[in-house]
Amino acid sequence: MLKVYGWNVCPHTLNAVAWLKSHNIPFKYLEIEEQPDDVVRKVVEVNGGDDWVVPTLEYNGKWHPGERFEPAKFERVLKDLGVI
């Protein structure tokens, strides 16, 4: 299942979650600030090593760093990850 690491006040996270729901794509939302240190370290690593960026995606061991939400690009990322 797709995992979405997000922050509940981030507009890009909120838009990504809304898009997934509107397209009936199952996912698990994980609030970044509630994750164990090892998970936060992995999200930071995926995002270049300086800080976490959301929404960061993980699907079957494949990761995609957080970035500004753009619907067409988000859909391409999901295709590249094998989600859709």
PDB file of N, CA and C in Angstrom:
ATOM      1  N   MET A   1       0.845  -1.184   0.000  1.00  0.00           N
ATOM      2  CA  MET A   1       0.000   0.000   0.000  1.00  0.00           C
ATOM      3  C   MET A   1       0.888   1.244   0.000  1.00  0.00           C
ATOM      4  N   LEU A   2       0.441   2.254  -0.695  1.00  0.00           N
ATOM      5  CA  LEU A   2       1.135   3.530  -0.731  1.00  0.00           C
ATOM      6  C   LEU A   2       1.150   4.150   0.658  1.00  0.00           C
ATOM      7  N   LYS A   3       2.318   4.629   1.061  1.00  0.00           N
ATOM      8  CA  LYS A   3       2.437   5.358   2.318  1.00  0.00           C
ATOM      9  C   LYS A   3       2.720   6.821   1.983  1.00  0.00           C
ATOM     10  N   VAL A   4       1.991   7.710   2.623  1.00  0.00           N
ATOM     11  CA  VAL A   4       2.171   9.140   2.445  1.00  0.00           C
ATOM     12  C   VAL A   4       2.623   9.718   3.775  1.00  0.00           C
ATOM     13  N   TYR A   5       3.861  10.184   3.811  1.00  0.00           N
ATOM     14  CA  TYR A   5       4.379  10.857   4.992  1.00  0.00           C
ATOM     15  C   TYR A   5       4.098  12.339   4.811  1.00  0.00           C
ATOM     16  N   GLY A   6       3.290  12.889   5.700  1.00  0.00           N
ATOM     17  CA  GLY A   6       2.869  14.269   5.527  1.00  0.00           C
ATOM     18  C   GLY A   6       2.844  15.039   6.826  1.00  0.00           C
ATOM     19  N   TRP A   7       2.437  16.277   6.694  1.00  0.00           N
ATOM     20  CA  TRP A   7       2.301  17.185   7.832  1.00  0.00           C
ATOM     21  C   TRP A   7       0.941  17.834   7.693  1.00  0.00           C
ATOM     22  N   ASN A   8       0.139  17.770   8.720  1.00  0.00           N
ATOM     23  CA  ASN A   8      -1.277  18.127   8.620  1.00  0.00           C
ATOM     24  C   ASN A   8      -1.561  19.608   8.374  1.00  0.00           C
ATOM     25  N   VAL A   9      -0.547  20.448   8.339  1.00  0.00           N
ATOM     26  CA  VAL A   9      -0.759  21.864   8.003  1.00  0.00           C
ATOM     27  C   VAL A   9      -0.135  22.238   6.653  1.00  0.00           C
ATOM     28  N   CYS A  10       0.454  21.272   5.990  1.00  0.00           N
ATOM     29  CA  CYS A  10       1.107  21.523   4.705  1.00  0.00           C
ATOM     30  C   CYS A  10       0.076  21.466   3.574  1.00  0.00           C
ATOM     31  N   PRO A  11      -0.070  22.538   2.805  1.00  0.00           N
ATOM     32  CA  PRO A  11      -1.049  22.521   1.720  1.00  0.00           C
ATOM     33  C   PRO A  11      -0.746  21.466   0.659  1.00  0.00           C
ATOM     34  N   HIS A  12       0.527  21.170   0.428  1.00  0.00           N
ATOM     35  CA  HIS A  12       0.878  20.160  -0.573  1.00  0.00           C
ATOM     36  C   HIS A  12       0.478  18.768  -0.098  1.00  0.00           C
ATOM     37  N   THR A  13       0.655  18.514   1.193  1.00  0.00           N
ATOM     38  CA  THR A  13       0.189  17.251   1.770  1.00  0.00           C
ATOM     39  C   THR A  13      -1.324  17.151   1.659  1.00  0.00           C
ATOM     40  N   LEU A  14      -2.016  18.196   2.060  1.00  0.00           N
ATOM     41  CA  LEU A  14      -3.484  18.170   2.038  1.00  0.00           C
ATOM     42  C   LEU A  14      -4.013  17.986   0.616  1.00  0.00           C
ATOM     43  N   ASN A  15      -3.394  18.632  -0.349  1.00  0.00           N
ATOM     44  CA  ASN A  15      -3.823  18.477  -1.748  1.00  0.00           C
ATOM     45  C   ASN A  15      -3.540  17.073  -2.270  1.00  0.00           C
ATOM     46  N   ALA A  16      -2.391  16.513  -1.912  1.00  0.00           N
ATOM     47  CA  ALA A  16      -2.059  15.155  -2.350  1.00  0.00           C
ATOM     48  C   ALA A  16      -3.044  14.143  -1.769  1.00  0.00           C
ATOM     49  N   VAL A  17      -3.350  14.277  -0.491  1.00  0.00           N
ATOM     50  CA  VAL A  17      -4.298  13.374   0.168  1.00  0.00           C
ATOM     51  C   VAL A  17      -5.686  13.513  -0.471  1.00  0.00           C
ATOM     52  N   ALA A  18      -6.117  14.726  -0.721  1.00  0.00           N
ATOM     53  CA  ALA A  18      -7.425  14.942  -1.355  1.00  0.00           C
ATOM     54  C   ALA A  18      -7.454  14.316  -2.750  1.00  0.00           C
ATOM     55  N   TRP A  19      -6.361  14.453  -3.494  1.00  0.00           N
ATOM     56  CA  TRP A  19      -6.291  13.882  -4.849  1.00  0.00           C
ATOM     57  C   TRP A  19      -6.388  12.357  -4.780  1.00  0.00           C
ATOM     58  N   LEU A  20      -5.648  11.751  -3.860  1.00  0.00           N
ATOM     59  CA  LEU A  20      -5.701  10.291  -3.719  1.00  0.00           C
ATOM     60  C   LEU A  20      -7.111   9.823  -3.380  1.00  0.00           C
ATOM     61  N   LYS A  21      -7.759  10.513  -2.462  1.00  0.00           N
ATOM     62  CA  LYS A  21      -9.128  10.149  -2.089  1.00  0.00           C
ATOM     63  C   LYS A  21     -10.079  10.303  -3.265  1.00  0.00           C
ATOM     64  N   SER A  22      -9.950  11.382  -4.003  1.00  0.00           N
ATOM     65  CA  SER A  22     -10.867  11.626  -5.124  1.00  0.00           C
ATOM     66  C   SER A  22     -10.666  10.631  -6.261  1.00  0.00           C
ATOM     67  N   HIS A  23      -9.495   9.991  -6.313  1.00  0.00           N
ATOM     68  CA  HIS A  23      -9.214   8.987  -7.337  1.00  0.00           C
ATOM     69  C   HIS A  23      -9.307   7.563  -6.790  1.00  0.00           C
ATOM     70  N   ASN A  24      -9.825   7.445  -5.565  1.00  0.00           N
ATOM     71  CA  ASN A  24     -10.037   6.131  -4.934  1.00  0.00           C
ATOM     72  C   ASN A  24      -8.774   5.276  -4.905  1.00  0.00           C
ATOM     73  N   ILE A  25      -7.644   5.915  -4.619  1.00  0.00           N
ATOM     74  CA  ILE A  25      -6.380   5.191  -4.514  1.00  0.00           C
ATOM     75  C   ILE A  25      -6.119   4.935  -3.036  1.00  0.00           C
ATOM     76  N   PRO A  26      -6.038   3.668  -2.651  1.00  0.00           N
ATOM     77  CA  PRO A  26      -5.802   3.371  -1.232  1.00  0.00           C
ATOM     78  C   PRO A  26      -4.410   3.819  -0.799  1.00  0.00           C
ATOM     79  N   PHE A  27      -4.330   4.345   0.400  1.00  0.00           N
ATOM     80  CA  PHE A  27      -3.056   4.801   0.935  1.00  0.00           C
ATOM     81  C   PHE A  27      -3.141   4.834   2.452  1.00  0.00           C
ATOM     82  N   LYS A  28      -1.967   4.882   3.055  1.00  0.00           N
ATOM     83  CA  LYS A  28      -1.876   5.036   4.498  1.00  0.00           C
ATOM     84  C   LYS A  28      -1.196   6.368   4.758  1.00  0.00           C
ATOM     85  N   TYR A  29      -1.868   7.238   5.495  1.00  0.00           N
ATOM     86  CA  TYR A  29      -1.306   8.538   5.831  1.00  0.00           C
ATOM     87  C   TYR A  29      -0.546   8.433   7.145  1.00  0.00           C
ATOM     88  N   LEU A  30       0.675   8.952   7.154  1.00  0.00           N
ATOM     89  CA  LEU A  30       1.519   8.911   8.348  1.00  0.00           C
ATOM     90  C   LEU A  30       1.998  10.324   8.659  1.00  0.00           C
ATOM     91  N   GLU A  31       1.570  10.835   9.784  1.00  0.00           N
ATOM     92  CA  GLU A  31       1.957  12.173  10.216  1.00  0.00           C
ATOM     93  C   GLU A  31       3.448  12.155  10.576  1.00  0.00           C
ATOM     94  N   ILE A  32       4.239  12.936   9.854  1.00  0.00           N
ATOM     95  CA  ILE A  32       5.696  12.879   9.998  1.00  0.00           C
ATOM     96  C   ILE A  32       6.156  13.154  11.424  1.00  0.00           C
ATOM     97  N   GLU A  33       5.523  14.086  12.099  1.00  0.00           N
ATOM     98  CA  GLU A  33       5.971  14.449  13.444  1.00  0.00           C
ATOM     99  C   GLU A  33       5.627  13.392  14.495  1.00  0.00           C
ATOM    100  N   GLU A  34       4.873  12.371  14.116  1.00  0.00           N
ATOM    101  CA  GLU A  34       4.516  11.290  15.041  1.00  0.00           C
ATOM    102  C   GLU A  34       5.271   9.995  14.748  1.00  0.00           C
ATOM    103  N   GLN A  35       6.206  10.040  13.803  1.00  0.00           N
ATOM    104  CA  GLN A  35       6.933   8.843  13.398  1.00  0.00           C
ATOM    105  C   GLN A  35       8.171   8.635  14.259  1.00  0.00           C
ATOM    106  N   PRO A  36       8.596   7.367  14.408  1.00  0.00           N
ATOM    107  CA  PRO A  36       9.818   7.090  15.160  1.00  0.00           C
ATOM    108  C   PRO A  36      11.043   7.702  14.456  1.00  0.00           C
ATOM    109  N   ASP A  37      12.087   7.911  15.219  1.00  0.00           N
ATOM    110  CA  ASP A  37      13.288   8.567  14.702  1.00  0.00           C
ATOM    111  C   ASP A  37      13.849   7.908  13.455  1.00  0.00           C
ATOM    112  N   ASP A  38      13.844   6.568  13.392  1.00  0.00           N
ATOM    113  CA  ASP A  38      14.415   5.902  12.225  1.00  0.00           C
ATOM    114  C   ASP A  38      13.623   6.212  10.963  1.00  0.00           C
ATOM    115  N   VAL A  39      12.321   6.344  11.072  1.00  0.00           N
ATOM    116  CA  VAL A  39      11.488   6.679   9.914  1.00  0.00           C
ATOM    117  C   VAL A  39      11.746   8.126   9.496  1.00  0.00           C
ATOM    118  N   VAL A  40      11.822   9.023  10.465  1.00  0.00           N
ATOM    119  CA  VAL A  40      12.103  10.428  10.148  1.00  0.00           C
ATOM    120  C   VAL A  40      13.470  10.541   9.473  1.00  0.00           C
ATOM    121  N   ARG A  41      14.467   9.808   9.963  1.00  0.00           N
ATOM    122  CA  ARG A  41      15.803   9.829   9.340  1.00  0.00           C
ATOM    123  C   ARG A  41      15.733   9.363   7.889  1.00  0.00           C
ATOM    124  N   LYS A  42      14.930   8.326   7.607  1.00  0.00           N
ATOM    125  CA  LYS A  42      14.791   7.833   6.234  1.00  0.00           C
ATOM    126  C   LYS A  42      14.132   8.894   5.352  1.00  0.00           C
ATOM    127  N   VAL A  43      13.100   9.550   5.857  1.00  0.00           N
ATOM    128  CA  VAL A  43      12.429  10.601   5.080  1.00  0.00           C
ATOM    129  C   VAL A  43      13.398  11.751   4.815  1.00  0.00           C
ATOM    130  N   VAL A  44      14.195  12.115   5.808  1.00  0.00           N
ATOM    131  CA  VAL A  44      15.210  13.160   5.617  1.00  0.00           C
ATOM    132  C   VAL A  44      16.220  12.721   4.550  1.00  0.00           C
ATOM    133  N   GLU A  45      16.666  11.471   4.622  1.00  0.00           N
ATOM    134  CA  GLU A  45      17.626  10.935   3.639  1.00  0.00           C
ATOM    135  C   GLU A  45      17.051  10.997   2.227  1.00  0.00           C
ATOM    136  N   VAL A  46      15.819  10.568   2.070  1.00  0.00           N
ATOM    137  CA  VAL A  46      15.163  10.567   0.762  1.00  0.00           C
ATOM    138  C   VAL A  46      15.079  11.989   0.190  1.00  0.00           C
ATOM    139  N   ASN A  47      15.000  12.958   1.085  1.00  0.00           N
ATOM    140  CA  ASN A  47      14.847  14.353   0.674  1.00  0.00           C
ATOM    141  C   ASN A  47      16.162  15.125   0.669  1.00  0.00           C
ATOM    142  N   GLY A  48      17.273  14.444   0.544  1.00  0.00           N
ATOM    143  CA  GLY A  48      18.552  15.108   0.384  1.00  0.00           C
ATOM    144  C   GLY A  48      19.404  15.229   1.634  1.00  0.00           C
ATOM    145  N   GLY A  49      18.894  14.802   2.777  1.00  0.00           N
ATOM    146  CA  GLY A  49      19.702  14.738   3.976  1.00  0.00           C
ATOM    147  C   GLY A  49      19.689  15.936   4.895  1.00  0.00           C
ATOM    148  N   ASP A  50      19.005  17.019   4.530  1.00  0.00           N
ATOM    149  CA  ASP A  50      19.008  18.209   5.379  1.00  0.00           C
ATOM    150  C   ASP A  50      17.793  18.277   6.305  1.00  0.00           C
ATOM    151  N   ASP A  51      16.628  17.937   5.797  1.00  0.00           N
ATOM    152  CA  ASP A  51      15.391  18.041   6.566  1.00  0.00           C
ATOM    153  C   ASP A  51      14.331  17.212   5.859  1.00  0.00           C
ATOM    154  N   TRP A  52      13.233  16.947   6.553  1.00  0.00           N
ATOM    155  CA  TRP A  52      12.138  16.245   5.883  1.00  0.00           C
ATOM    156  C   TRP A  52      11.344  17.244   5.047  1.00  0.00           C
ATOM    157  N   VAL A  53      10.830  16.720   3.944  1.00  0.00           N
ATOM    158  CA  VAL A  53       9.982  17.485   3.038  1.00  0.00           C
ATOM    159  C   VAL A  53       8.769  16.609   2.765  1.00  0.00           C
ATOM    160  N   VAL A  54       7.600  17.203   2.766  1.00  0.00           N
ATOM    161  CA  VAL A  54       6.380  16.422   2.574  1.00  0.00           C
ATOM    162  C   VAL A  54       5.562  16.989   1.413  1.00  0.00           C
ATOM    163  N   PRO A  55       4.728  16.160   0.808  1.00  0.00           N
ATOM    164  CA  PRO A  55       4.506  14.744   1.106  1.00  0.00           C
ATOM    165  C   PRO A  55       5.578  13.852   0.476  1.00  0.00           C
ATOM    166  N   THR A  56       6.196  13.020   1.290  1.00  0.00           N
ATOM    167  CA  THR A  56       7.133  12.013   0.814  1.00  0.00           C
ATOM    168  C   THR A  56       6.348  10.720   0.659  1.00  0.00           C
ATOM    169  N   LEU A  57       6.596  10.021  -0.440  1.00  0.00           N
ATOM    170  CA  LEU A  57       5.846   8.808  -0.765  1.00  0.00           C
ATOM    171  C   LEU A  57       6.747   7.581  -0.701  1.00  0.00           C
ATOM    172  N   GLU A  58       6.164   6.462  -0.274  1.00  0.00           N
ATOM    173  CA  GLU A  58       6.858   5.176  -0.310  1.00  0.00           C
ATOM    174  C   GLU A  58       5.875   4.117  -0.764  1.00  0.00           C
ATOM    175  N   TYR A  59       6.316   3.303  -1.729  1.00  0.00           N
ATOM    176  CA  TYR A  59       5.467   2.231  -2.232  1.00  0.00           C
ATOM    177  C   TYR A  59       6.356   1.031  -2.542  1.00  0.00           C
ATOM    178  N   ASN A  60       6.114  -0.056  -1.842  1.00  0.00           N
ATOM    179  CA  ASN A  60       6.869  -1.304  -2.047  1.00  0.00           C
ATOM    180  C   ASN A  60       8.377  -1.083  -2.038  1.00  0.00           C
ATOM    181  N   GLY A  61       8.853  -0.267  -1.108  1.00  0.00           N
ATOM    182  CA  GLY A  61      10.287  -0.029  -0.980  1.00  0.00           C
ATOM    183  C   GLY A  61      10.847   1.045  -1.886  1.00  0.00           C
ATOM    184  N   LYS A  62      10.026   1.588  -2.773  1.00  0.00           N
ATOM    185  CA  LYS A  62      10.462   2.686  -3.639  1.00  0.00           C
ATOM    186  C   LYS A  62       9.997   3.997  -3.019  1.00  0.00           C
ATOM    187  N   TRP A  63      10.899   4.966  -2.962  1.00  0.00           N
ATOM    188  CA  TRP A  63      10.618   6.243  -2.316  1.00  0.00           C
ATOM    189  C   TRP A  63      10.597   7.369  -3.339  1.00  0.00           C
ATOM    190  N   HIS A  64       9.816   8.389  -3.027  1.00  0.00           N
ATOM    191  CA  HIS A  64       9.809   9.622  -3.823  1.00  0.00           C
ATOM    192  C   HIS A  64       9.828  10.802  -2.858  1.00  0.00           C
ATOM    193  N   PRO A  65      10.771  11.732  -3.055  1.00  0.00           N
ATOM    194  CA  PRO A  65      10.873  12.862  -2.129  1.00  0.00           C
ATOM    195  C   PRO A  65       9.669  13.780  -2.195  1.00  0.00           C
ATOM    196  N   GLY A  66       9.490  14.524  -1.137  1.00  0.00           N
ATOM    197  CA  GLY A  66       8.411  15.503  -1.087  1.00  0.00           C
ATOM    198  C   GLY A  66       8.657  16.644  -2.059  1.00  0.00           C
ATOM    199  N   GLU A  67       7.572  17.189  -2.553  1.00  0.00           N
ATOM    200  CA  GLU A  67       7.670  18.323  -3.466  1.00  0.00           C
ATOM    201  C   GLU A  67       6.323  19.013  -3.567  1.00  0.00           C
ATOM    202  N   ARG A  68       6.332  20.169  -4.206  1.00  0.00           N
ATOM    203  CA  ARG A  68       5.110  20.940  -4.412  1.00  0.00           C
ATOM    204  C   ARG A  68       4.088  20.079  -5.156  1.00  0.00           C
ATOM    205  N   PHE A  69       2.837  20.136  -4.713  1.00  0.00           N
ATOM    206  CA  PHE A  69       1.791  19.330  -5.348  1.00  0.00           C
ATOM    207  C   PHE A  69       1.368  19.960  -6.669  1.00  0.00           C
ATOM    208  N   GLU A  70       1.505  19.180  -7.728  1.00  0.00           N
ATOM    209  CA  GLU A  70       0.989  19.522  -9.051  1.00  0.00           C
ATOM    210  C   GLU A  70       0.296  18.263  -9.556  1.00  0.00           C
ATOM    211  N   PRO A  71      -1.010  18.305  -9.803  1.00  0.00           N
ATOM    212  CA  PRO A  71      -1.767  17.085 -10.103  1.00  0.00           C
ATOM    213  C   PRO A  71      -1.174  16.206 -11.207  1.00  0.00           C
ATOM    214  N   ALA A  72      -0.807  16.777 -12.340  1.00  0.00           N
ATOM    215  CA  ALA A  72      -0.299  15.957 -13.445  1.00  0.00           C
ATOM    216  C   ALA A  72       1.024  15.287 -13.061  1.00  0.00           C
ATOM    217  N   LYS A  73       1.895  16.032 -12.409  1.00  0.00           N
ATOM    218  CA  LYS A  73       3.180  15.468 -12.000  1.00  0.00           C
ATOM    219  C   LYS A  73       2.972  14.398 -10.928  1.00  0.00           C
ATOM    220  N   PHE A  74       2.072  14.650  -9.980  1.00  0.00           N
ATOM    221  CA  PHE A  74       1.771  13.688  -8.931  1.00  0.00           C
ATOM    222  C   PHE A  74       1.291  12.374  -9.538  1.00  0.00           C
ATOM    223  N   GLU A  75       0.428  12.452 -10.535  1.00  0.00           N
ATOM    224  CA  GLU A  75      -0.059  11.244 -11.201  1.00  0.00           C
ATOM    225  C   GLU A  75       1.084  10.498 -11.889  1.00  0.00           C
ATOM    226  N   ARG A  76       2.011  11.219 -12.530  1.00  0.00           N
ATOM    227  CA  ARG A  76       3.167  10.573 -13.165  1.00  0.00           C
ATOM    228  C   ARG A  76       4.044   9.874 -12.126  1.00  0.00           C
ATOM    229  N   VAL A  77       4.231  10.515 -10.991  1.00  0.00           N
ATOM    230  CA  VAL A  77       5.028   9.904  -9.917  1.00  0.00           C
ATOM    231  C   VAL A  77       4.375   8.608  -9.451  1.00  0.00           C
ATOM    232  N   LEU A  78       3.071   8.635  -9.270  1.00  0.00           N
ATOM    233  CA  LEU A  78       2.358   7.424  -8.846  1.00  0.00           C
ATOM    234  C   LEU A  78       2.491   6.319  -9.877  1.00  0.00           C
ATOM    235  N   LYS A  79       2.466   6.668 -11.151  1.00  0.00           N
ATOM    236  CA  LYS A  79       2.673   5.670 -12.219  1.00  0.00           C
ATOM    237  C   LYS A  79       4.087   5.128 -12.165  1.00  0.00           C
ATOM    238  N   ASP A  80       5.072   6.014 -11.988  1.00  0.00           N
ATOM    239  CA  ASP A  80       6.471   5.573 -11.924  1.00  0.00           C
ATOM    240  C   ASP A  80       6.707   4.642 -10.733  1.00  0.00           C
ATOM    241  N   LEU A  81       6.045   4.906  -9.627  1.00  0.00           N
ATOM    242  CA  LEU A  81       6.182   4.053  -8.441  1.00  0.00           C
ATOM    243  C   LEU A  81       5.440   2.718  -8.600  1.00  0.00           C
ATOM    244  N   GLY A  82       4.505   2.651  -9.564  1.00  0.00           N
ATOM    245  CA  GLY A  82       3.727   1.436  -9.754  1.00  0.00           C
ATOM    246  C   GLY A  82       2.429   1.418  -8.959  1.00  0.00           C
ATOM    247  N   VAL A  83       2.040   2.572  -8.413  1.00  0.00           N
ATOM    248  CA  VAL A  83       0.797   2.650  -7.633  1.00  0.00           C
ATOM    249  C   VAL A  83      -0.405   2.549  -8.556  1.00  0.00           C
ATOM    250  N   ILE A  84      -0.326   3.218  -9.710  1.00  0.00           N
ATOM    251  CA  ILE A  84      -1.431   3.174 -10.687  1.00  0.00           C
ATOM    252  C   ILE A  84      -0.898   2.795 -12.054  1.00  0.00           C
TER     253      ILE A  84
END
